[in-house]
PDB file of N, CA and C in Angstrom:
ATOM      1  N   MET A   1       0.854  -1.173   0.000  1.00  0.00           N
ATOM      2  CA  MET A   1       0.000   0.000   0.000  1.00  0.00           C
ATOM      3  C   MET A   1       0.897   1.233   0.000  1.00  0.00           C
ATOM      4  N   SER A   2       0.677   2.109  -0.954  1.00  0.00           N
ATOM      5  CA  SER A   2       1.452   3.348  -0.983  1.00  0.00           C
ATOM      6  C   SER A   2       0.633   4.460  -0.352  1.00  0.00           C
ATOM      7  N   ALA A   3       1.307   5.329   0.373  1.00  0.00           N
ATOM      8  CA  ALA A   3       0.640   6.441   1.062  1.00  0.00           C
ATOM      9  C   ALA A   3       0.581   7.650   0.140  1.00  0.00           C
ATOM     10  N   THR A   4      -0.427   8.453   0.347  1.00  0.00           N
ATOM     11  CA  THR A   4      -0.562   9.705  -0.386  1.00  0.00           C
ATOM     12  C   THR A   4      -1.038  10.774   0.587  1.00  0.00           C
ATOM     13  N   ASN A   5      -0.828  11.999   0.250  1.00  0.00           N
ATOM     14  CA  ASN A   5      -1.269  13.098   1.107  1.00  0.00           C
ATOM     15  C   ASN A   5      -2.683  13.517   0.735  1.00  0.00           C
ATOM     16  N   LEU A   6      -3.433  13.936   1.736  1.00  0.00           N
ATOM     17  CA  LEU A   6      -4.777  14.468   1.553  1.00  0.00           C
ATOM     18  C   LEU A   6      -4.788  15.839   2.207  1.00  0.00           C
ATOM     19  N   ASN A   7      -5.044  16.861   1.437  1.00  0.00           N
ATOM     20  CA  ASN A   7      -5.090  18.218   1.971  1.00  0.00           C
ATOM     21  C   ASN A   7      -6.541  18.664   2.056  1.00  0.00           C
ATOM     22  N   ILE A   8      -6.940  19.116   3.232  1.00  0.00           N
ATOM     23  CA  ILE A   8      -8.300  19.627   3.392  1.00  0.00           C
ATOM     24  C   ILE A   8      -8.219  20.992   4.056  1.00  0.00           C
ATOM     25  N   ARG A   9      -9.245  21.793   3.856  1.00  0.00           N
ATOM     26  CA  ARG A   9      -9.323  23.098   4.487  1.00  0.00           C
ATOM     27  C   ARG A   9     -10.477  23.064   5.471  1.00  0.00           C
ATOM     28  N   THR A  10     -10.212  23.577   6.656  1.00  0.00           N
ATOM     29  CA  THR A  10     -11.258  23.667   7.666  1.00  0.00           C
ATOM     30  C   THR A  10     -10.976  24.860   8.558  1.00  0.00           C
ATOM     31  N   ASP A  11     -11.963  25.272   9.282  1.00  0.00           N
ATOM     32  CA  ASP A  11     -11.826  26.368  10.222  1.00  0.00           C
ATOM     33  C   ASP A  11     -10.813  25.993  11.305  1.00  0.00           C
ATOM     34  N   LYS A  12      -9.992  26.943  11.713  1.00  0.00           N
ATOM     35  CA  LYS A  12      -8.958  26.688  12.718  1.00  0.00           C
ATOM     36  C   LYS A  12      -9.557  26.147  14.013  1.00  0.00           C
ATOM     37  N   ASP A  13     -10.675  26.743  14.469  1.00  0.00           N
ATOM     38  CA  ASP A  13     -11.306  26.282  15.708  1.00  0.00           C
ATOM     39  C   ASP A  13     -11.816  24.856  15.586  1.00  0.00           C
ATOM     40  N   VAL A  14     -12.372  24.518  14.420  1.00  0.00           N
ATOM     41  CA  VAL A  14     -12.866  23.157  14.195  1.00  0.00           C
ATOM     42  C   VAL A  14     -11.706  22.168  14.289  1.00  0.00           C
ATOM     43  N   LYS A  15     -10.598  22.506  13.652  1.00  0.00           N
ATOM     44  CA  LYS A  15      -9.417  21.625  13.683  1.00  0.00           C
ATOM     45  C   LYS A  15      -8.932  21.430  15.110  1.00  0.00           C
ATOM     46  N   GLU A  16      -8.814  22.520  15.862  1.00  0.00           N
ATOM     47  CA  GLU A  16      -8.317  22.421  17.237  1.00  0.00           C
ATOM     48  C   GLU A  16      -9.259  21.610  18.123  1.00  0.00           C
ATOM     49  N   GLN A  17     -10.561  21.830  17.962  1.00  0.00           N
ATOM     50  CA  GLN A  17     -11.530  21.071  18.757  1.00  0.00           C
ATOM     51  C   GLN A  17     -11.495  19.588  18.382  1.00  0.00           C
ATOM     52  N   ALA A  18     -11.360  19.296  17.093  1.00  0.00           N
ATOM     53  CA  ALA A  18     -11.285  17.907  16.643  1.00  0.00           C
ATOM     54  C   ALA A  18     -10.023  17.236  17.174  1.00  0.00           C
ATOM     55  N   GLU A  19      -8.900  17.934  17.121  1.00  0.00           N
ATOM     56  CA  GLU A  19      -7.646  17.374  17.641  1.00  0.00           C
ATOM     57  C   GLU A  19      -7.766  17.062  19.125  1.00  0.00           C
ATOM     58  N   GLN A  20      -8.401  17.941  19.879  1.00  0.00           N
ATOM     59  CA  GLN A  20      -8.589  17.726  21.305  1.00  0.00           C
ATOM     60  C   GLN A  20      -9.482  16.505  21.543  1.00  0.00           C
ATOM     61  N   LEU A  21     -10.587  16.424  20.818  1.00  0.00           N
ATOM     62  CA  LEU A  21     -11.495  15.290  20.953  1.00  0.00           C
ATOM     63  C   LEU A  21     -10.791  13.988  20.601  1.00  0.00           C
ATOM     64  N   PHE A  22     -10.100  13.960  19.456  1.00  0.00           N
ATOM     65  CA  PHE A  22      -9.412  12.746  19.035  1.00  0.00           C
ATOM     66  C   PHE A  22      -8.348  12.339  20.045  1.00  0.00           C
ATOM     67  N   ALA A  23      -7.647  13.301  20.618  1.00  0.00           N
ATOM     68  CA  ALA A  23      -6.636  12.993  21.630  1.00  0.00           C
ATOM     69  C   ALA A  23      -7.283  12.318  22.839  1.00  0.00           C
ATOM     70  N   GLU A  24      -8.450  12.807  23.252  1.00  0.00           N
ATOM     71  CA  GLU A  24      -9.161  12.192  24.372  1.00  0.00           C
ATOM     72  C   GLU A  24      -9.594  10.765  24.047  1.00  0.00           C
ATOM     73  N   LEU A  25      -9.828  10.503  22.755  1.00  0.00           N
ATOM     74  CA  LEU A  25     -10.197   9.160  22.315  1.00  0.00           C
ATOM     75  C   LEU A  25      -8.976   8.294  21.995  1.00  0.00           C
ATOM     76  N   GLY A  26      -7.788   8.858  22.176  1.00  0.00           N
ATOM     77  CA  GLY A  26      -6.556   8.111  21.923  1.00  0.00           C
ATOM     78  C   GLY A  26      -6.154   8.078  20.457  1.00  0.00           C
ATOM     79  N   LEU A  27      -6.628   9.033  19.677  1.00  0.00           N
ATOM     80  CA  LEU A  27      -6.339   9.078  18.245  1.00  0.00           C
ATOM     81  C   LEU A  27      -5.656  10.386  17.875  1.00  0.00           C
ATOM     82  N   ASN A  28      -4.901  10.365  16.773  1.00  0.00           N
ATOM     83  CA  ASN A  28      -4.433  11.620  16.200  1.00  0.00           C
ATOM     84  C   ASN A  28      -5.282  11.921  14.969  1.00  0.00           C
ATOM     85  N   MET A  29      -5.108  13.071  14.369  1.00  0.00           N
ATOM     86  CA  MET A  29      -5.945  13.489  13.244  1.00  0.00           C
ATOM     87  C   MET A  29      -5.826  12.504  12.082  1.00  0.00           C
ATOM     88  N   THR A  30      -4.624  12.082  11.737  1.00  0.00           N
ATOM     89  CA  THR A  30      -4.426  11.162  10.614  1.00  0.00           C
ATOM     90  C   THR A  30      -5.156   9.846  10.849  1.00  0.00           C
ATOM     91  N   THR A  31      -5.009   9.292  12.032  1.00  0.00           N
ATOM     92  CA  THR A  31      -5.668   8.026  12.344  1.00  0.00           C
ATOM     93  C   THR A  31      -7.183   8.179  12.315  1.00  0.00           C
ATOM     94  N   ALA A  32      -7.694   9.288  12.855  1.00  0.00           N
ATOM     95  CA  ALA A  32      -9.145   9.508  12.871  1.00  0.00           C
ATOM     96  C   ALA A  32      -9.693   9.645  11.450  1.00  0.00           C
ATOM     97  N   ILE A  33      -9.007  10.387  10.590  1.00  0.00           N
ATOM     98  CA  ILE A  33      -9.468  10.551   9.216  1.00  0.00           C
ATOM     99  C   ILE A  33      -9.415   9.218   8.473  1.00  0.00           C
ATOM    100  N   ASN A  34      -8.325   8.465   8.639  1.00  0.00           N
ATOM    101  CA  ASN A  34      -8.229   7.158   7.996  1.00  0.00           C
ATOM    102  C   ASN A  34      -9.299   6.195   8.503  1.00  0.00           C
ATOM    103  N   LEU A  35      -9.590   6.242   9.787  1.00  0.00           N
ATOM    104  CA  LEU A  35     -10.653   5.416  10.366  1.00  0.00           C
ATOM    105  C   LEU A  35     -11.990   5.755   9.708  1.00  0.00           C
ATOM    106  N   PHE A  36     -12.253   7.037   9.598  1.00  0.00           N
ATOM    107  CA  PHE A  36     -13.487   7.475   8.960  1.00  0.00           C
ATOM    108  C   PHE A  36     -13.562   7.001   7.505  1.00  0.00           C
ATOM    109  N   LEU A  37     -12.504   7.232   6.725  1.00  0.00           N
ATOM    110  CA  LEU A  37     -12.513   6.892   5.305  1.00  0.00           C
ATOM    111  C   LEU A  37     -12.680   5.393   5.075  1.00  0.00           C
ATOM    112  N   ARG A  38     -11.922   4.583   5.804  1.00  0.00           N
ATOM    113  CA  ARG A  38     -12.010   3.126   5.632  1.00  0.00           C
ATOM    114  C   ARG A  38     -13.388   2.588   6.019  1.00  0.00           C
ATOM    115  N   THR A  39     -13.937   3.125   7.093  1.00  0.00           N
ATOM    116  CA  THR A  39     -15.250   2.665   7.532  1.00  0.00           C
ATOM    117  C   THR A  39     -16.336   3.134   6.571  1.00  0.00           C
ATOM    118  N   ALA A  40     -16.204   4.344   6.059  1.00  0.00           N
ATOM    119  CA  ALA A  40     -17.166   4.841   5.066  1.00  0.00           C
ATOM    120  C   ALA A  40     -17.161   3.958   3.827  1.00  0.00           C
ATOM    121  N   ILE A  41     -15.995   3.559   3.379  1.00  0.00           N
ATOM    122  CA  ILE A  41     -15.891   2.666   2.215  1.00  0.00           C
ATOM    123  C   ILE A  41     -16.564   1.333   2.513  1.00  0.00           C
ATOM    124  N   ARG A  42     -16.272   0.764   3.651  1.00  0.00           N
ATOM    125  CA  ARG A  42     -16.835  -0.533   4.030  1.00  0.00           C
ATOM    126  C   ARG A  42     -18.356  -0.478   4.174  1.00  0.00           C
ATOM    127  N   LYS A  43     -18.879   0.623   4.732  1.00  0.00           N
ATOM    128  CA  LYS A  43     -20.318   0.762   4.981  1.00  0.00           C
ATOM    129  C   LYS A  43     -21.075   1.394   3.813  1.00  0.00           C
ATOM    130  N   HIS A  44     -20.347   1.916   2.834  1.00  0.00           N
ATOM    131  CA  HIS A  44     -20.963   2.609   1.697  1.00  0.00           C
ATOM    132  C   HIS A  44     -21.776   3.811   2.152  1.00  0.00           C
ATOM    133  N   GLY A  45     -21.254   4.558   3.115  1.00  0.00           N
ATOM    134  CA  GLY A  45     -21.940   5.758   3.595  1.00  0.00           C
ATOM    135  C   GLY A  45     -21.264   6.297   4.838  1.00  0.00           C
ATOM    136  N   ILE A  46     -21.880   7.319   5.435  1.00  0.00           N
ATOM    137  CA  ILE A  46     -21.360   7.854   6.700  1.00  0.00           C
ATOM    138  C   ILE A  46     -21.526   6.740   7.726  1.00  0.00           C
ATOM    139  N   PRO A  47     -20.423   6.333   8.355  1.00  0.00           N
ATOM    140  CA  PRO A  47     -20.420   5.022   8.979  1.00  0.00           C
ATOM    141  C   PRO A  47     -20.796   4.890  10.456  1.00  0.00           C
ATOM    142  N   PHE A  48     -20.591   5.905  11.266  1.00  0.00           N
ATOM    143  CA  PHE A  48     -20.701   5.640  12.690  1.00  0.00           C
ATOM    144  C   PHE A  48     -20.818   6.903  13.506  1.00  0.00           C
ATOM    145  N   ASP A  49     -21.258   6.726  14.755  1.00  0.00           N
ATOM    146  CA  ASP A  49     -21.203   7.786  15.749  1.00  0.00           C
ATOM    147  C   ASP A  49     -20.034   7.478  16.666  1.00  0.00           C
ATOM    148  N   LEU A  50     -19.178   8.423  16.867  1.00  0.00           N
ATOM    149  CA  LEU A  50     -18.057   8.278  17.790  1.00  0.00           C
ATOM    150  C   LEU A  50     -18.061   9.508  18.668  1.00  0.00           C
ATOM    151  N   TYR A  51     -18.338   9.336  19.955  1.00  0.00           N
ATOM    152  CA  TYR A  51     -18.498  10.489  20.819  1.00  0.00           C
ATOM    153  C   TYR A  51     -18.090  10.172  22.245  1.00  0.00           C
ATOM    154  N   LEU A  52     -17.829  11.194  22.977  1.00  0.00           N
ATOM    155  CA  LEU A  52     -17.564  11.072  24.402  1.00  0.00           C
ATOM    156  C   LEU A  52     -18.890  11.106  25.134  1.00  0.00           C
ATOM    157  N   ASP A  53     -18.958  10.446  26.262  1.00  0.00           N
ATOM    158  CA  ASP A  53     -20.165  10.453  27.071  1.00  0.00           C
ATOM    159  C   ASP A  53     -20.179  11.753  27.875  1.00  0.00           C
ATOM    160  N   VAL A  54     -20.916  12.732  27.384  1.00  0.00           N
ATOM    161  CA  VAL A  54     -20.978  14.048  28.012  1.00  0.00           C
ATOM    162  C   VAL A  54     -22.285  14.138  28.798  1.00  0.00           C
ATOM    163  N   PRO A  55     -22.205  14.418  30.091  1.00  0.00           N
ATOM    164  CA  PRO A  55     -23.430  14.467  30.891  1.00  0.00           C
ATOM    165  C   PRO A  55     -24.314  15.655  30.510  1.00  0.00           C
ATOM    166  N   ASN A  56     -25.639  15.466  30.698  1.00  0.00           N
ATOM    167  CA  ASN A  56     -26.568  16.554  30.411  1.00  0.00           C
ATOM    168  C   ASN A  56     -26.543  17.575  31.552  1.00  0.00           C
ATOM    169  N   GLU A  57     -27.291  18.666  31.395  1.00  0.00           N
ATOM    170  CA  GLU A  57     -27.273  19.764  32.376  1.00  0.00           C
ATOM    171  C   GLU A  57     -27.687  19.302  33.772  1.00  0.00           C
ATOM    172  N   THR A  58     -28.681  18.434  33.854  1.00  0.00           N
ATOM    173  CA  THR A  58     -29.157  17.949  35.150  1.00  0.00           C
ATOM    174  C   THR A  58     -28.065  17.162  35.861  1.00  0.00           C
ATOM    175  N   THR A  59     -27.373  16.305  35.119  1.00  0.00           N
ATOM    176  CA  THR A  59     -26.301  15.503  35.703  1.00  0.00           C
ATOM    177  C   THR A  59     -25.141  16.389  36.139  1.00  0.00           C
ATOM    178  N   VAL A  60     -24.785  17.367  35.312  1.00  0.00           N
ATOM    179  CA  VAL A  60     -23.704  18.292  35.662  1.00  0.00           C
ATOM    180  C   VAL A  60     -24.060  19.039  36.949  1.00  0.00           C
ATOM    181  N   ALA A  61     -25.317  19.501  37.065  1.00  0.00           N
ATOM    182  CA  ALA A  61     -25.751  20.216  38.268  1.00  0.00           C
ATOM    183  C   ALA A  61     -25.683  19.311  39.485  1.00  0.00           C
ATOM    184  N   ALA A  62     -26.071  18.042  39.341  1.00  0.00           N
ATOM    185  CA  ALA A  62     -26.020  17.098  40.460  1.00  0.00           C
ATOM    186  C   ALA A  62     -24.574  16.836  40.885  1.00  0.00           C
ATOM    187  N   ILE A  63     -23.687  16.717  39.933  1.00  0.00           N
ATOM    188  CA  ILE A  63     -22.268  16.509  40.246  1.00  0.00           C
ATOM    189  C   ILE A  63     -21.719  17.711  41.007  1.00  0.00           C
ATOM    190  N   GLU A  64     -22.032  18.910  40.521  1.00  0.00           N
ATOM    191  CA  GLU A  64     -21.559  20.127  41.197  1.00  0.00           C
ATOM    192  C   GLU A  64     -22.122  20.226  42.611  1.00  0.00           C
ATOM    193  N   GLU A  65     -23.401  19.904  42.776  1.00  0.00           N
ATOM    194  CA  GLU A  65     -24.007  19.935  44.114  1.00  0.00           C
ATOM    195  C   GLU A  65     -23.327  18.929  45.030  1.00  0.00           C
ATOM    196  N   GLY A  66     -23.032  17.755  44.514  1.00  0.00           N
ATOM    197  CA  GLY A  66     -22.341  16.740  45.301  1.00  0.00           C
ATOM    198  C   GLY A  66     -20.955  17.191  45.739  1.00  0.00           C
ATOM    199  N   LYS A  67     -20.235  17.852  44.832  1.00  0.00           N
ATOM    200  CA  LYS A  67     -18.904  18.367  45.178  1.00  0.00           C
ATOM    201  C   LYS A  67     -18.997  19.427  46.276  1.00  0.00           C
ATOM    202  N   LYS A  68     -20.002  20.313  46.171  1.00  0.00           N
ATOM    203  CA  LYS A  68     -20.180  21.350  47.193  1.00  0.00           C
ATOM    204  C   LYS A  68     -20.491  20.723  48.550  1.00  0.00           C
ATOM    205  N   LEU A  69     -21.383  19.733  48.548  1.00  0.00           N
ATOM    206  CA  LEU A  69     -21.738  19.067  49.805  1.00  0.00           C
ATOM    207  C   LEU A  69     -20.535  18.348  50.406  1.00  0.00           C
ATOM    208  N   LEU A  70     -19.742  17.728  49.552  1.00  0.00           N
ATOM    209  CA  LEU A  70     -18.564  17.007  50.028  1.00  0.00           C
ATOM    210  C   LEU A  70     -17.573  17.943  50.711  1.00  0.00           C
ATOM    211  N   ASN A  71     -17.440  19.156  50.181  1.00  0.00           N
ATOM    212  CA  ASN A  71     -16.480  20.116  50.721  1.00  0.00           C
ATOM    213  C   ASN A  71     -17.066  21.020  51.801  1.00  0.00           C
ATOM    214  N   ASP A  72     -18.351  20.896  52.076  1.00  0.00           N
ATOM    215  CA  ASP A  72     -19.007  21.710  53.095  1.00  0.00           C
ATOM    216  C   ASP A  72     -18.950  20.985  54.439  1.00  0.00           C
ATOM    217  N   PRO A  73     -18.170  21.528  55.395  1.00  0.00           N
ATOM    218  CA  PRO A  73     -18.037  20.839  56.673  1.00  0.00           C
ATOM    219  C   PRO A  73     -19.353  20.739  57.457  1.00  0.00           C
ATOM    220  N   SER A  74     -20.335  21.592  57.129  1.00  0.00           N
ATOM    221  CA  SER A  74     -21.597  21.548  57.870  1.00  0.00           C
ATOM    222  C   SER A  74     -22.594  20.551  57.269  1.00  0.00           C
ATOM    223  N   SER A  75     -22.295  20.000  56.098  1.00  0.00           N
ATOM    224  CA  SER A  75     -23.231  19.037  55.503  1.00  0.00           C
ATOM    225  C   SER A  75     -23.065  17.683  56.187  1.00  0.00           C
ATOM    226  N   PRO A  76     -24.176  16.944  56.349  1.00  0.00           N
ATOM    227  CA  PRO A  76     -24.099  15.654  57.034  1.00  0.00           C
ATOM    228  C   PRO A  76     -23.281  14.650  56.233  1.00  0.00           C
ATOM    229  N   LYS A  77     -22.562  13.802  56.950  1.00  0.00           N
ATOM    230  CA  LYS A  77     -21.755  12.752  56.333  1.00  0.00           C
ATOM    231  C   LYS A  77     -22.208  11.414  56.920  1.00  0.00           C
ATOM    232  N   TYR A  78     -22.188  10.378  56.102  1.00  0.00           N
ATOM    233  CA  TYR A  78     -22.622   9.053  56.530  1.00  0.00           C
ATOM    234  C   TYR A  78     -21.533   8.049  56.195  1.00  0.00           C
ATOM    235  N   SER A  79     -21.291   7.121  57.096  1.00  0.00           N
ATOM    236  CA  SER A  79     -20.237   6.132  56.869  1.00  0.00           C
ATOM    237  C   SER A  79     -20.801   4.792  56.417  1.00  0.00           C
ATOM    238  N   SER A  80     -22.125   4.685  56.320  1.00  0.00           N
ATOM    239  CA  SER A  80     -22.718   3.442  55.833  1.00  0.00           C
ATOM    240  C   SER A  80     -24.076   3.738  55.189  1.00  0.00           C
ATOM    241  N   MET A  81     -24.537   2.813  54.409  1.00  0.00           N
ATOM    242  CA  MET A  81     -25.853   2.951  53.788  1.00  0.00           C
ATOM    243  C   MET A  81     -26.948   2.936  54.849  1.00  0.00           C
ATOM    244  N   GLU A  82     -26.722   2.167  55.913  1.00  0.00           N
ATOM    245  CA  GLU A  82     -27.721   2.103  56.975  1.00  0.00           C
ATOM    246  C   GLU A  82     -27.913   3.476  57.628  1.00  0.00           C
ATOM    247  N   GLU A  83     -26.811   4.182  57.872  1.00  0.00           N
ATOM    248  CA  GLU A  83     -26.887   5.532  58.429  1.00  0.00           C
ATOM    249  C   GLU A  83     -27.656   6.475  57.491  1.00  0.00           C
ATOM    250  N   LEU A  84     -27.345   6.394  56.223  1.00  0.00           N
ATOM    251  CA  LEU A  84     -28.012   7.243  55.244  1.00  0.00           C
ATOM    252  C   LEU A  84     -29.509   6.922  55.194  1.00  0.00           C
ATOM    253  N   LYS A  85     -29.873   5.643  55.156  1.00  0.00           N
ATOM    254  CA  LYS A  85     -31.270   5.251  55.123  1.00  0.00           C
ATOM    255  C   LYS A  85     -32.007   5.748  56.356  1.00  0.00           C
ATOM    256  N   ALA A  86     -31.362   5.616  57.520  1.00  0.00           N
ATOM    257  CA  ALA A  86     -31.992   6.063  58.761  1.00  0.00           C
ATOM    258  C   ALA A  86     -32.232   7.573  58.716  1.00  0.00           C
ATOM    259  N   ALA A  87     -31.275   8.340  58.179  1.00  0.00           N
ATOM    260  CA  ALA A  87     -31.425   9.786  58.080  1.00  0.00           C
ATOM    261  C   ALA A  87     -32.548  10.147  57.113  1.00  0.00           C
ATOM    262  N   LEU A  88     -32.681   9.418  56.052  1.00  0.00           N
ATOM    263  CA  LEU A  88     -33.729   9.690  55.066  1.00  0.00           C
ATOM    264  C   LEU A  88     -35.118   9.354  55.614  1.00  0.00           C
ATOM    265  N   GLU A  89     -35.206   8.367  56.490  1.00  0.00           N
ATOM    266  CA  GLU A  89     -36.477   7.947  57.052  1.00  0.00           C
ATOM    267  C   GLU A  89     -36.948   8.874  58.178  1.00  0.00           C
ATOM    268  N   SER A  90     -36.041   9.618  58.770  1.00  0.00           N
ATOM    269  CA  SER A  90     -36.447  10.458  59.892  1.00  0.00           C
ATOM    270  C   SER A  90     -36.949  11.811  59.463  1.00  0.00           C
TER     271      SER A  90
END
């Protein structure tokens, strides 16, 4: 197999965001583009969804609330599920 260059034009921000995403997925730009092209050929179309699991607004808010409670010395702390259940029942 002989290699060839592929030149594409894209917005600078799009390229930077894609590079960051691919890095998080363990890929570089060349590998990601080749993955896309080979899979598109095999599937005869746009081949797949590849995405990070990004939490929705409700989940993000719950995570932030949990972090605040964890760092708040006045918030109740429980060392077992039984303690937590008892507190919820009272």
